Amino acid sequence: MGSRGSVIPFFKSIADKGVLPITDERMTRFMITLEQGVDLVWHAFDDMVGGEIYVKKIPSMNILDIARAAAPAAKHEIVGIRPGEKLHEQMIGEEDAPHTYEYSDYYKILPAINNWSEDPARINGGVKVTPGFTYSSDNNPDWMSKEQLSTWIKDNANKVGRI
């Protein structure tokens, strides 16, 4: 949220035009702050044995709610999905489920080689996800409200404005 690749600074930068381009009203995105990402990296440094992939549990939002939080007065124009753009973000695919473990605030995908995904030292208290599990922005149980994002934008206006 607020990084160069985030839609929030883009919406803020064109809000004065009165119209925001929306690719598809069904679109969803994961919402993560820079601080959350850094915290996960530091945790991974402490926890990792080697080859693991760490995925932070973070909330999702619908693109229309992101637009309403970033520029409440702007209208929305549906412009269609661009080539290569996805309707929903996916962080863990079904093919990774057999090697994925859940923890309180993240998932860990263990390497499939050498039976490392069955090693208790690597699992370290995690709970194996169900077969067929996916972690996608549209099937996420945790959702950020427009009001929560509006508060974050106000609290971080200096970050969002300069990116």
N, C-alpha and C. Protein backbone atom coordinates (compact mmCIF):
# COMPACT_ATOMS: atom_id res chain seq x y z
N MET A 1 0.85 -1.17 0.00
CA MET A 1 0.00 0.00 0.00
C MET A 1 0.90 1.23 0.00
N GLY A 2 0.78 2.02 -1.01
CA GLY A 2 1.56 3.23 -1.08
C GLY A 2 2.88 3.08 -1.82
N SER A 3 3.21 1.88 -2.26
CA SER A 3 4.47 1.70 -3.00
C SER A 3 4.29 2.15 -4.45
N ARG A 4 5.37 2.17 -5.18
CA ARG A 4 5.30 2.60 -6.58
C ARG A 4 4.37 1.73 -7.41
N GLY A 5 4.24 0.46 -7.08
CA GLY A 5 3.39 -0.43 -7.84
C GLY A 5 1.94 -0.44 -7.38
N SER A 6 1.65 0.30 -6.34
CA SER A 6 0.30 0.32 -5.77
C SER A 6 -0.62 1.25 -6.56
N VAL A 7 -1.87 0.87 -6.64
CA VAL A 7 -2.85 1.70 -7.33
C VAL A 7 -3.24 2.91 -6.47
N ILE A 8 -2.98 2.88 -5.18
CA ILE A 8 -3.40 3.98 -4.30
C ILE A 8 -2.73 5.31 -4.71
N PRO A 9 -1.40 5.38 -4.83
CA PRO A 9 -0.80 6.66 -5.27
C PRO A 9 -1.28 7.09 -6.66
N PHE A 10 -1.51 6.11 -7.54
CA PHE A 10 -2.01 6.43 -8.88
C PHE A 10 -3.39 7.10 -8.77
N PHE A 11 -4.30 6.49 -8.01
CA PHE A 11 -5.63 7.07 -7.84
C PHE A 11 -5.54 8.46 -7.21
N LYS A 12 -4.68 8.61 -6.20
CA LYS A 12 -4.53 9.92 -5.55
C LYS A 12 -4.01 10.96 -6.54
N SER A 13 -3.10 10.56 -7.43
CA SER A 13 -2.48 11.51 -8.36
C SER A 13 -3.45 12.01 -9.43
N ILE A 14 -4.49 11.24 -9.73
CA ILE A 14 -5.43 11.67 -10.76
C ILE A 14 -6.82 11.99 -10.19
N ALA A 15 -6.94 12.00 -8.88
CA ALA A 15 -8.24 12.24 -8.25
C ALA A 15 -8.84 13.58 -8.66
N ASP A 16 -7.99 14.59 -8.88
CA ASP A 16 -8.48 15.91 -9.24
C ASP A 16 -9.14 15.94 -10.63
N LYS A 17 -8.93 14.91 -11.43
CA LYS A 17 -9.58 14.82 -12.74
C LYS A 17 -11.05 14.41 -12.61
N GLY A 18 -11.40 13.85 -11.46
CA GLY A 18 -12.80 13.51 -11.19
C GLY A 18 -13.24 12.14 -11.64
N VAL A 19 -12.39 11.43 -12.40
CA VAL A 19 -12.74 10.10 -12.89
C VAL A 19 -11.55 9.17 -12.72
N LEU A 20 -11.80 8.01 -12.14
CA LEU A 20 -10.75 7.00 -11.97
C LEU A 20 -11.01 5.83 -12.93
N PRO A 21 -9.99 5.39 -13.64
CA PRO A 21 -10.16 4.21 -14.51
C PRO A 21 -10.17 2.94 -13.66
N ILE A 22 -11.19 2.15 -13.82
CA ILE A 22 -11.33 0.87 -13.11
C ILE A 22 -11.31 -0.22 -14.17
N THR A 23 -10.40 -1.17 -14.02
CA THR A 23 -10.28 -2.21 -15.04
C THR A 23 -11.47 -3.16 -15.03
N ASP A 24 -11.87 -3.60 -13.85
CA ASP A 24 -13.00 -4.51 -13.73
C ASP A 24 -13.52 -4.41 -12.30
N GLU A 25 -14.80 -4.18 -12.15
CA GLU A 25 -15.36 -3.97 -10.81
C GLU A 25 -15.28 -5.20 -9.91
N ARG A 26 -15.00 -6.36 -10.47
CA ARG A 26 -14.84 -7.58 -9.66
C ARG A 26 -13.42 -7.74 -9.14
N MET A 27 -12.48 -6.94 -9.62
CA MET A 27 -11.06 -7.09 -9.29
C MET A 27 -10.82 -6.97 -7.78
N THR A 28 -9.93 -7.82 -7.28
CA THR A 28 -9.52 -7.76 -5.88
C THR A 28 -8.01 -7.72 -5.80
N ARG A 29 -7.52 -7.16 -4.70
CA ARG A 29 -6.08 -7.07 -4.46
C ARG A 29 -5.80 -7.33 -2.99
N PHE A 30 -4.59 -7.87 -2.74
CA PHE A 30 -4.10 -8.00 -1.37
C PHE A 30 -3.58 -6.63 -0.93
N MET A 31 -3.67 -6.35 0.37
CA MET A 31 -3.22 -5.07 0.91
C MET A 31 -2.14 -5.34 1.96
N ILE A 32 -0.93 -4.86 1.70
CA ILE A 32 0.18 -5.03 2.63
C ILE A 32 0.96 -3.73 2.71
N THR A 33 1.38 -3.40 3.91
CA THR A 33 2.21 -2.21 4.10
C THR A 33 3.68 -2.60 3.96
N LEU A 34 4.50 -1.62 3.73
CA LEU A 34 5.94 -1.84 3.67
C LEU A 34 6.43 -2.45 4.99
N GLU A 35 5.93 -1.92 6.09
CA GLU A 35 6.34 -2.40 7.41
C GLU A 35 6.00 -3.88 7.60
N GLN A 36 4.82 -4.30 7.14
CA GLN A 36 4.44 -5.71 7.25
C GLN A 36 5.36 -6.59 6.43
N GLY A 37 5.71 -6.14 5.25
CA GLY A 37 6.63 -6.90 4.40
C GLY A 37 8.00 -7.04 5.04
N VAL A 38 8.51 -5.95 5.59
CA VAL A 38 9.82 -5.99 6.25
C VAL A 38 9.78 -6.91 7.46
N ASP A 39 8.71 -6.83 8.25
CA ASP A 39 8.58 -7.72 9.42
C ASP A 39 8.62 -9.19 9.01
N LEU A 40 7.96 -9.53 7.91
CA LEU A 40 7.97 -10.92 7.44
C LEU A 40 9.37 -11.35 7.02
N VAL A 41 10.09 -10.46 6.36
CA VAL A 41 11.46 -10.78 5.95
C VAL A 41 12.33 -11.04 7.17
N TRP A 42 12.23 -10.20 8.18
CA TRP A 42 13.02 -10.41 9.41
C TRP A 42 12.64 -11.73 10.08
N HIS A 43 11.34 -12.04 10.10
CA HIS A 43 10.91 -13.32 10.67
C HIS A 43 11.50 -14.48 9.87
N ALA A 44 11.47 -14.37 8.56
CA ALA A 44 12.01 -15.44 7.71
C ALA A 44 13.49 -15.66 8.00
N PHE A 45 14.24 -14.57 8.18
CA PHE A 45 15.66 -14.71 8.51
C PHE A 45 15.86 -15.53 9.78
N ASP A 46 15.01 -15.31 10.77
CA ASP A 46 15.12 -16.02 12.05
C ASP A 46 14.66 -17.48 11.95
N ASP A 47 13.68 -17.74 11.09
CA ASP A 47 13.01 -19.04 11.06
C ASP A 47 13.53 -19.99 9.98
N MET A 48 14.03 -19.47 8.90
CA MET A 48 14.31 -20.30 7.73
C MET A 48 15.46 -21.27 7.94
N VAL A 49 15.34 -22.41 7.24
CA VAL A 49 16.41 -23.39 7.15
C VAL A 49 17.04 -23.26 5.77
N GLY A 50 16.20 -23.01 4.78
CA GLY A 50 16.65 -22.80 3.41
C GLY A 50 15.63 -23.31 2.41
N GLY A 51 15.28 -22.49 1.45
CA GLY A 51 14.37 -22.88 0.39
C GLY A 51 12.90 -22.63 0.65
N GLU A 52 12.55 -22.17 1.85
CA GLU A 52 11.14 -21.91 2.17
C GLU A 52 10.66 -20.64 1.47
N ILE A 53 9.35 -20.58 1.26
CA ILE A 53 8.70 -19.37 0.77
C ILE A 53 7.72 -18.95 1.84
N TYR A 54 7.82 -17.72 2.30
CA TYR A 54 6.94 -17.18 3.33
C TYR A 54 5.90 -16.27 2.69
N VAL A 55 4.65 -16.45 3.08
CA VAL A 55 3.55 -15.65 2.54
C VAL A 55 2.78 -15.06 3.72
N LYS A 56 2.80 -13.76 3.84
CA LYS A 56 2.12 -13.06 4.94
C LYS A 56 0.61 -13.14 4.76
N LYS A 57 -0.10 -13.37 5.86
CA LYS A 57 -1.56 -13.28 5.84
C LYS A 57 -1.92 -11.80 5.91
N ILE A 58 -2.60 -11.32 4.88
CA ILE A 58 -2.95 -9.91 4.77
C ILE A 58 -4.37 -9.81 4.23
N PRO A 59 -5.02 -8.67 4.46
CA PRO A 59 -6.40 -8.54 3.98
C PRO A 59 -6.47 -8.28 2.48
N SER A 60 -7.65 -8.54 1.95
CA SER A 60 -7.97 -8.23 0.55
C SER A 60 -8.91 -7.04 0.50
N MET A 61 -8.99 -6.45 -0.68
CA MET A 61 -9.97 -5.39 -0.94
C MET A 61 -10.46 -5.49 -2.38
N ASN A 62 -11.67 -5.05 -2.57
CA ASN A 62 -12.22 -4.90 -3.91
C ASN A 62 -11.72 -3.58 -4.48
N ILE A 63 -11.43 -3.55 -5.76
CA ILE A 63 -10.87 -2.37 -6.41
C ILE A 63 -11.77 -1.13 -6.27
N LEU A 64 -13.07 -1.33 -6.27
CA LEU A 64 -13.97 -0.18 -6.12
C LEU A 64 -13.83 0.44 -4.73
N ASP A 65 -13.65 -0.39 -3.70
CA ASP A 65 -13.46 0.15 -2.34
C ASP A 65 -12.12 0.88 -2.23
N ILE A 66 -11.10 0.36 -2.91
CA ILE A 66 -9.80 1.05 -2.93
C ILE A 66 -9.97 2.43 -3.58
N ALA A 67 -10.67 2.47 -4.70
CA ALA A 67 -10.90 3.74 -5.40
C ALA A 67 -11.71 4.71 -4.54
N ARG A 68 -12.73 4.21 -3.86
CA ARG A 68 -13.56 5.08 -3.00
C ARG A 68 -12.77 5.63 -1.82
N ALA A 69 -11.85 4.83 -1.28
CA ALA A 69 -11.03 5.29 -0.16
C ALA A 69 -9.98 6.30 -0.63
N ALA A 70 -9.40 6.08 -1.79
CA ALA A 70 -8.33 6.95 -2.29
C ALA A 70 -8.86 8.28 -2.82
N ALA A 71 -10.03 8.25 -3.44
CA ALA A 71 -10.60 9.46 -4.05
C ALA A 71 -12.12 9.39 -3.92
N PRO A 72 -12.65 9.73 -2.73
CA PRO A 72 -14.08 9.55 -2.46
C PRO A 72 -15.02 10.28 -3.42
N ALA A 73 -14.59 11.43 -3.94
CA ALA A 73 -15.48 12.23 -4.80
C ALA A 73 -15.42 11.83 -6.27
N ALA A 74 -14.46 11.01 -6.65
CA ALA A 74 -14.28 10.67 -8.06
C ALA A 74 -15.31 9.65 -8.54
N LYS A 75 -15.66 9.79 -9.80
CA LYS A 75 -16.51 8.79 -10.46
C LYS A 75 -15.60 7.68 -10.99
N HIS A 76 -16.21 6.60 -11.42
CA HIS A 76 -15.43 5.45 -11.91
C HIS A 76 -15.82 5.14 -13.35
N GLU A 77 -14.80 4.87 -14.16
CA GLU A 77 -15.02 4.49 -15.55
C GLU A 77 -14.40 3.11 -15.75
N ILE A 78 -15.22 2.13 -16.14
CA ILE A 78 -14.73 0.78 -16.39
C ILE A 78 -13.99 0.79 -17.73
N VAL A 79 -12.69 0.42 -17.70
CA VAL A 79 -11.87 0.49 -18.90
C VAL A 79 -11.42 -0.89 -19.40
N GLY A 80 -11.68 -1.93 -18.65
CA GLY A 80 -11.31 -3.28 -19.08
C GLY A 80 -9.92 -3.68 -18.60
N ILE A 81 -9.74 -4.97 -18.45
CA ILE A 81 -8.47 -5.51 -17.99
C ILE A 81 -7.43 -5.38 -19.10
N ARG A 82 -6.23 -4.95 -18.73
CA ARG A 82 -5.14 -4.80 -19.68
C ARG A 82 -4.46 -6.15 -19.90
N PRO A 83 -3.76 -6.31 -21.01
CA PRO A 83 -3.06 -7.58 -21.27
C PRO A 83 -2.11 -7.93 -20.12
N GLY A 84 -2.19 -9.16 -19.66
CA GLY A 84 -1.33 -9.64 -18.58
C GLY A 84 -1.84 -9.34 -17.18
N GLU A 85 -2.85 -8.52 -17.06
CA GLU A 85 -3.39 -8.17 -15.74
C GLU A 85 -4.33 -9.26 -15.26
N LYS A 86 -4.33 -9.50 -13.96
CA LYS A 86 -5.17 -10.55 -13.39
C LYS A 86 -6.35 -9.95 -12.65
N LEU A 87 -7.46 -10.67 -12.68
CA LEU A 87 -8.65 -10.24 -11.96
C LEU A 87 -8.39 -10.32 -10.45
N HIS A 88 -7.72 -11.38 -10.01
CA HIS A 88 -7.41 -11.58 -8.59
C HIS A 88 -5.94 -11.96 -8.46
N GLU A 89 -5.34 -11.60 -7.33
CA GLU A 89 -3.96 -11.99 -7.06
C GLU A 89 -3.97 -13.36 -6.38
N GLN A 90 -3.01 -14.18 -6.74
CA GLN A 90 -2.87 -15.49 -6.09
C GLN A 90 -1.46 -15.61 -5.54
N MET A 91 -1.35 -15.87 -4.25
CA MET A 91 -0.04 -16.01 -3.62
C MET A 91 0.35 -17.46 -3.40
N ILE A 92 -0.64 -18.34 -3.22
CA ILE A 92 -0.36 -19.76 -3.08
C ILE A 92 -1.32 -20.51 -3.99
N GLY A 93 -0.77 -21.26 -4.92
CA GLY A 93 -1.60 -22.03 -5.85
C GLY A 93 -1.84 -23.44 -5.34
N GLU A 94 -2.81 -24.08 -5.93
CA GLU A 94 -3.19 -25.45 -5.55
C GLU A 94 -2.01 -26.41 -5.63
N GLU A 95 -1.11 -26.18 -6.58
CA GLU A 95 0.04 -27.07 -6.74
C GLU A 95 1.01 -26.99 -5.56
N ASP A 96 0.95 -25.91 -4.77
CA ASP A 96 1.82 -25.76 -3.61
C ASP A 96 1.19 -26.29 -2.31
N ALA A 97 -0.10 -26.58 -2.34
CA ALA A 97 -0.81 -27.01 -1.12
C ALA A 97 -0.15 -28.20 -0.41
N PRO A 98 0.32 -29.22 -1.14
CA PRO A 98 0.92 -30.36 -0.42
C PRO A 98 2.17 -30.01 0.39
N HIS A 99 2.74 -28.85 0.17
CA HIS A 99 3.97 -28.45 0.84
C HIS A 99 3.79 -27.18 1.69
N THR A 100 2.54 -26.78 1.91
CA THR A 100 2.24 -25.52 2.58
C THR A 100 1.72 -25.75 3.99
N TYR A 101 2.22 -24.94 4.91
CA TYR A 101 1.82 -25.00 6.32
C TYR A 101 1.35 -23.63 6.76
N GLU A 102 0.35 -23.64 7.64
CA GLU A 102 -0.24 -22.40 8.14
C GLU A 102 0.27 -22.11 9.55
N TYR A 103 0.51 -20.82 9.81
CA TYR A 103 0.93 -20.32 11.11
C TYR A 103 0.00 -19.16 11.46
N SER A 104 0.16 -18.57 12.61
CA SER A 104 -0.80 -17.55 13.04
C SER A 104 -0.93 -16.37 12.07
N ASP A 105 0.18 -15.89 11.53
CA ASP A 105 0.08 -14.72 10.65
C ASP A 105 0.79 -14.87 9.31
N TYR A 106 1.10 -16.10 8.93
CA TYR A 106 1.71 -16.33 7.63
C TYR A 106 1.55 -17.80 7.24
N TYR A 107 1.87 -18.07 5.98
CA TYR A 107 1.97 -19.43 5.45
C TYR A 107 3.42 -19.66 5.08
N LYS A 108 3.83 -20.93 5.11
CA LYS A 108 5.19 -21.27 4.70
C LYS A 108 5.10 -22.44 3.73
N ILE A 109 5.66 -22.24 2.54
CA ILE A 109 5.73 -23.30 1.54
C ILE A 109 7.13 -23.90 1.65
N LEU A 110 7.18 -25.18 1.97
CA LEU A 110 8.46 -25.85 2.16
C LEU A 110 8.93 -26.48 0.85
N PRO A 111 10.23 -26.64 0.68
CA PRO A 111 10.74 -27.26 -0.54
C PRO A 111 10.24 -28.70 -0.68
N ALA A 112 9.92 -29.07 -1.90
CA ALA A 112 9.42 -30.43 -2.16
C ALA A 112 10.55 -31.45 -2.26
N ILE A 113 11.77 -31.00 -2.45
CA ILE A 113 12.89 -31.94 -2.65
C ILE A 113 13.29 -32.60 -1.33
N ASN A 114 13.84 -33.79 -1.43
CA ASN A 114 14.40 -34.52 -0.28
C ASN A 114 13.42 -34.70 0.88
N ASN A 115 12.12 -34.69 0.60
CA ASN A 115 11.08 -34.79 1.64
C ASN A 115 11.18 -33.68 2.69
N TRP A 116 11.75 -32.54 2.32
CA TRP A 116 11.90 -31.45 3.27
C TRP A 116 10.55 -30.90 3.72
N SER A 117 9.50 -31.09 2.92
CA SER A 117 8.19 -30.58 3.33
C SER A 117 7.54 -31.45 4.41
N GLU A 118 8.21 -32.54 4.77
CA GLU A 118 7.73 -33.41 5.86
C GLU A 118 8.66 -33.36 7.07
N ASP A 119 9.68 -32.53 7.04
CA ASP A 119 10.68 -32.45 8.10
C ASP A 119 10.14 -31.64 9.29
N PRO A 120 9.98 -32.26 10.47
CA PRO A 120 9.42 -31.55 11.63
C PRO A 120 10.20 -30.28 12.00
N ALA A 121 11.50 -30.27 11.81
CA ALA A 121 12.29 -29.08 12.13
C ALA A 121 11.92 -27.92 11.20
N ARG A 122 11.64 -28.23 9.94
CA ARG A 122 11.24 -27.18 8.99
C ARG A 122 9.78 -26.77 9.21
N ILE A 123 8.95 -27.74 9.56
CA ILE A 123 7.53 -27.45 9.79
C ILE A 123 7.38 -26.57 11.02
N ASN A 124 8.12 -26.88 12.07
CA ASN A 124 8.22 -26.03 13.25
C ASN A 124 6.87 -25.54 13.79
N GLY A 125 5.95 -26.46 13.99
CA GLY A 125 4.67 -26.11 14.60
C GLY A 125 3.58 -25.68 13.65
N GLY A 126 3.84 -25.70 12.36
CA GLY A 126 2.81 -25.31 11.39
C GLY A 126 1.77 -26.40 11.21
N VAL A 127 0.64 -26.01 10.67
CA VAL A 127 -0.46 -26.95 10.39
C VAL A 127 -0.60 -27.05 8.88
N LYS A 128 -0.55 -28.26 8.37
CA LYS A 128 -0.65 -28.46 6.92
C LYS A 128 -2.01 -27.98 6.42
N VAL A 129 -2.00 -27.25 5.31
CA VAL A 129 -3.26 -26.78 4.72
C VAL A 129 -3.98 -27.95 4.05
N THR A 130 -5.24 -27.77 3.77
CA THR A 130 -6.04 -28.83 3.15
C THR A 130 -5.63 -29.04 1.70
N PRO A 131 -5.81 -30.25 1.18
CA PRO A 131 -5.52 -30.49 -0.24
C PRO A 131 -6.35 -29.53 -1.11
N GLY A 132 -5.75 -28.99 -2.14
CA GLY A 132 -6.45 -28.07 -3.03
C GLY A 132 -6.49 -26.64 -2.52
N PHE A 133 -5.86 -26.35 -1.39
CA PHE A 133 -5.83 -25.01 -0.82
C PHE A 133 -5.23 -24.00 -1.80
N THR A 134 -5.81 -22.82 -1.86
CA THR A 134 -5.23 -21.69 -2.58
C THR A 134 -5.35 -20.46 -1.69
N TYR A 135 -4.44 -19.53 -1.84
CA TYR A 135 -4.52 -18.25 -1.13
C TYR A 135 -4.57 -17.18 -2.20
N SER A 136 -5.76 -16.69 -2.42
CA SER A 136 -6.03 -15.74 -3.49
C SER A 136 -6.81 -14.56 -2.93
N SER A 137 -6.66 -13.39 -3.54
CA SER A 137 -7.30 -12.19 -3.01
C SER A 137 -8.83 -12.27 -3.06
N ASP A 138 -9.40 -13.16 -3.85
CA ASP A 138 -10.85 -13.28 -3.88
C ASP A 138 -11.40 -14.30 -2.90
N ASN A 139 -10.57 -15.26 -2.42
CA ASN A 139 -11.08 -16.26 -1.48
C ASN A 139 -10.52 -16.07 -0.07
N ASN A 140 -9.94 -14.93 0.17
CA ASN A 140 -9.33 -14.59 1.45
C ASN A 140 -10.40 -14.40 2.53
N PRO A 141 -10.23 -14.98 3.70
CA PRO A 141 -11.21 -14.74 4.77
C PRO A 141 -11.07 -13.37 5.42
N ASP A 142 -9.98 -12.65 5.17
CA ASP A 142 -9.71 -11.37 5.82
C ASP A 142 -9.86 -10.24 4.79
N TRP A 143 -10.78 -9.32 5.06
CA TRP A 143 -11.04 -8.21 4.15
C TRP A 143 -10.86 -6.88 4.86
N MET A 144 -10.21 -5.93 4.20
CA MET A 144 -10.05 -4.58 4.72
C MET A 144 -11.23 -3.75 4.23
N SER A 145 -11.79 -2.96 5.13
CA SER A 145 -12.92 -2.10 4.75
C SER A 145 -12.42 -0.80 4.12
N LYS A 146 -13.30 -0.15 3.42
CA LYS A 146 -12.99 1.15 2.82
C LYS A 146 -12.60 2.13 3.92
N GLU A 147 -13.27 2.06 5.06
CA GLU A 147 -12.98 2.96 6.17
C GLU A 147 -11.57 2.71 6.74
N GLN A 148 -11.19 1.45 6.85
CA GLN A 148 -9.84 1.13 7.33
C GLN A 148 -8.77 1.67 6.38
N LEU A 149 -8.99 1.50 5.07
CA LEU A 149 -8.02 2.02 4.12
C LEU A 149 -8.00 3.54 4.13
N SER A 150 -9.15 4.17 4.26
CA SER A 150 -9.21 5.64 4.34
C SER A 150 -8.39 6.15 5.51
N THR A 151 -8.51 5.47 6.65
CA THR A 151 -7.73 5.84 7.83
C THR A 151 -6.24 5.66 7.56
N TRP A 152 -5.86 4.55 6.93
CA TRP A 152 -4.45 4.31 6.62
C TRP A 152 -3.92 5.40 5.68
N ILE A 153 -4.69 5.77 4.68
CA ILE A 153 -4.27 6.81 3.73
C ILE A 153 -4.06 8.13 4.47
N LYS A 154 -4.99 8.49 5.35
CA LYS A 154 -4.85 9.75 6.11
C LYS A 154 -3.60 9.70 7.00
N ASP A 155 -3.39 8.58 7.66
CA ASP A 155 -2.24 8.43 8.57
C ASP A 155 -0.91 8.38 7.82
N ASN A 156 -0.94 8.03 6.55
CA ASN A 156 0.29 7.86 5.75
C ASN A 156 0.30 8.78 4.54
N ALA A 157 -0.38 9.90 4.61
CA ALA A 157 -0.50 10.81 3.47
C ALA A 157 0.86 11.23 2.94
N ASN A 158 1.84 11.40 3.82
CA ASN A 158 3.17 11.82 3.35
C ASN A 158 3.81 10.73 2.51
N LYS A 159 3.57 9.46 2.83
CA LYS A 159 4.13 8.35 2.05
C LYS A 159 3.41 8.22 0.72
N VAL A 160 2.09 8.28 0.76
CA VAL A 160 1.28 8.07 -0.45
C VAL A 160 1.50 9.22 -1.42
N GLY A 161 1.64 10.43 -0.91
CA GLY A 161 1.79 11.60 -1.77
C GLY A 161 3.13 11.68 -2.49
N ARG A 162 4.19 11.11 -1.93
CA ARG A 162 5.50 11.29 -2.55
C ARG A 162 5.93 10.10 -3.40
N ILE A 163 5.15 9.05 -3.42
CA ILE A 163 5.55 7.86 -4.16
C ILE A 163 5.02 7.95 -5.58
